Amino acid sequence: MITTSGKLRMTDNCITSSSQNKDEATFIIKYDDKSYTEMHKDFCLDAVITERRFNSSPEILTFLNNHPECANMSINQICLKAGGVDLLKRIICFEHTRAEMDTRMEAILNKHTFIYPELFPISSTS
């Protein structure tokens, strides 16, 4: 995910590969556009819930009041420092991501162009 003013957007730049040269592939296995869009929507919905849980957690608020130097850390880092894996599990939401069972993949010819559309954050009311 790429952040823009604290917002999440998804592009091909988010793709990681173990290959040193991405141009060598003849075919690319990718999520179809509908699956990609649905996965992004689910991720955004889970991110909204995670942020809400994080911001309303008494443990997090107490920790950040006592450790203001940690305020710029990621949610994951703060949760681990404040309460370990148990707190992290209570804060991070995978409700929508886990429920998605209908993702499909397809093989496309590598034409050395972007393979996914750029997606921007959805509103929390969607």
Protein backbone atom coordinates (compact mmCIF):
# COMPACT_ATOMS: atom_id res chain seq x y z
CA MET A 1 0.00 0.00 0.00
CA ILE A 2 1.14 3.50 -0.76
CA THR A 3 0.03 6.23 1.58
CA THR A 4 -1.13 9.59 0.34
CA SER A 5 -1.81 12.06 3.14
CA GLY A 6 -2.50 9.19 5.50
CA LYS A 7 -4.77 7.46 2.96
CA LEU A 8 -4.15 4.11 1.32
CA ARG A 9 -4.01 3.54 -2.40
CA MET A 10 -3.00 0.43 -4.28
CA THR A 11 -0.91 0.30 -7.47
CA ASP A 12 1.44 -2.11 -9.23
CA ASN A 13 4.22 -0.54 -7.15
CA CYS A 14 2.83 -2.57 -4.22
CA ILE A 15 3.85 -5.82 -5.92
CA THR A 16 6.87 -7.53 -4.46
CA SER A 17 8.81 -10.20 -6.28
CA SER A 18 11.67 -12.50 -5.47
CA SER A 19 12.84 -12.19 -9.08
CA GLN A 20 15.57 -9.63 -9.70
CA ASN A 21 14.32 -8.95 -13.22
CA LYS A 22 10.53 -8.66 -13.50
CA ASP A 23 10.82 -8.24 -17.28
CA GLU A 24 11.90 -11.86 -17.82
CA ALA A 25 8.46 -13.43 -17.28
CA THR A 26 6.49 -14.47 -20.34
CA PHE A 27 3.20 -14.85 -18.48
CA ILE A 28 2.03 -13.20 -15.28
CA ILE A 29 -0.42 -14.88 -12.93
CA LYS A 30 -2.56 -12.14 -11.41
CA TYR A 31 -5.87 -11.61 -9.66
CA ASP A 32 -8.62 -10.71 -12.10
CA ASP A 33 -9.75 -7.09 -11.89
CA LYS A 34 -12.96 -7.89 -9.98
CA SER A 35 -11.05 -9.91 -7.34
CA TYR A 36 -8.38 -7.22 -7.07
CA THR A 37 -11.02 -4.54 -6.49
CA GLU A 38 -12.86 -6.68 -3.92
CA MET A 39 -9.63 -7.48 -2.06
CA HIS A 40 -8.80 -3.77 -1.91
CA LYS A 41 -12.29 -2.95 -0.60
CA ASP A 42 -11.99 -5.64 2.09
CA PHE A 43 -8.55 -4.37 3.09
CA CYS A 44 -9.85 -0.79 3.37
CA LEU A 45 -12.85 -1.85 5.47
CA ASP A 46 -10.57 -3.82 7.80
CA ALA A 47 -8.17 -0.86 8.01
CA VAL A 48 -11.02 1.44 9.13
CA ILE A 49 -12.02 -1.01 11.88
CA THR A 50 -8.38 -1.48 12.93
CA GLU A 51 -7.85 2.27 13.18
CA ARG A 52 -11.06 2.68 15.20
CA ARG A 53 -10.04 -0.09 17.61
CA PHE A 54 -6.54 1.35 17.92
CA ASN A 55 -7.73 4.89 18.60
CA SER A 56 -10.26 3.80 21.23
CA SER A 57 -8.09 1.25 23.05
CA PRO A 58 -7.42 2.22 26.69
CA GLU A 59 -4.15 0.22 26.62
CA ILE A 60 -2.94 2.11 23.57
CA LEU A 61 -3.96 5.51 24.93
CA THR A 62 -2.22 4.84 28.26
CA PHE A 63 0.89 3.52 26.50
CA LEU A 64 1.14 6.55 24.17
CA ASN A 65 0.60 8.97 27.07
CA ASN A 66 3.50 7.30 28.90
CA HIS A 67 5.65 6.86 25.77
CA PRO A 68 5.07 9.83 23.43
CA GLU A 69 8.29 8.98 21.59
CA CYS A 70 6.43 5.97 20.10
CA ALA A 71 3.64 8.07 18.53
CA ASN A 72 5.16 7.89 15.03
CA MET A 73 5.49 4.09 15.03
CA SER A 74 3.14 1.85 13.06
CA ILE A 75 0.01 0.38 14.61
CA ASN A 76 1.69 -3.03 14.66
CA GLN A 77 4.81 -1.73 16.42
CA ILE A 78 2.83 0.20 19.03
CA CYS A 79 0.54 -2.75 19.76
CA LEU A 80 3.49 -5.09 20.21
CA LYS A 81 5.25 -2.64 22.53
CA ALA A 82 2.09 -1.81 24.50
CA GLY A 83 0.70 -5.28 25.01
CA GLY A 84 2.38 -7.84 22.82
CA VAL A 85 0.80 -10.23 20.36
CA ASP A 86 -2.42 -10.53 22.37
CA LEU A 87 -3.13 -6.79 22.07
CA LEU A 88 -2.15 -6.84 18.40
CA LYS A 89 -4.66 -9.65 17.75
CA ARG A 90 -7.42 -7.65 19.46
CA ILE A 91 -6.67 -4.47 17.47
CA ILE A 92 -5.97 -5.74 13.95
CA CYS A 93 -9.10 -6.63 11.96
CA PHE A 94 -9.20 -9.30 9.25
CA GLU A 95 -12.99 -9.73 9.32
CA HIS A 96 -13.60 -8.69 5.71
CA THR A 97 -10.36 -10.06 4.31
CA ARG A 98 -10.96 -13.52 5.81
CA ALA A 99 -14.54 -13.64 4.55
CA GLU A 100 -13.46 -13.16 0.92
CA MET A 101 -13.46 -16.61 -0.67
CA ASP A 102 -14.24 -15.78 -4.27
CA THR A 103 -10.89 -14.52 -5.59
CA ARG A 104 -9.95 -15.62 -9.06
CA MET A 105 -6.62 -15.54 -10.85
CA GLU A 106 -5.75 -15.36 -14.51
CA ALA A 107 -2.65 -15.67 -16.68
CA ILE A 108 -1.79 -12.70 -18.89
CA LEU A 109 1.01 -12.05 -21.34
CA ASN A 110 3.72 -9.83 -19.87
CA LYS A 111 3.69 -6.69 -22.02
CA HIS A 112 5.85 -4.73 -19.54
CA THR A 113 2.93 -2.47 -18.65
CA PHE A 114 0.90 -2.05 -15.47
CA ILE A 115 -1.26 -5.07 -14.75
CA TYR A 116 -3.63 -3.61 -12.13
CA PRO A 117 -5.68 -0.43 -12.05
CA GLU A 118 -4.75 2.15 -9.40
CA LEU A 119 -7.23 1.98 -6.51
CA PHE A 120 -7.84 4.68 -3.94
CA PRO A 121 -9.31 4.42 -0.45
CA ILE A 122 -12.98 3.79 -0.16
CA SER A 123 -15.07 5.87 2.18
CA SER A 124 -15.97 4.28 5.51
CA THR A 125 -19.65 4.66 4.63
CA SER A 126 -19.43 2.42 1.54
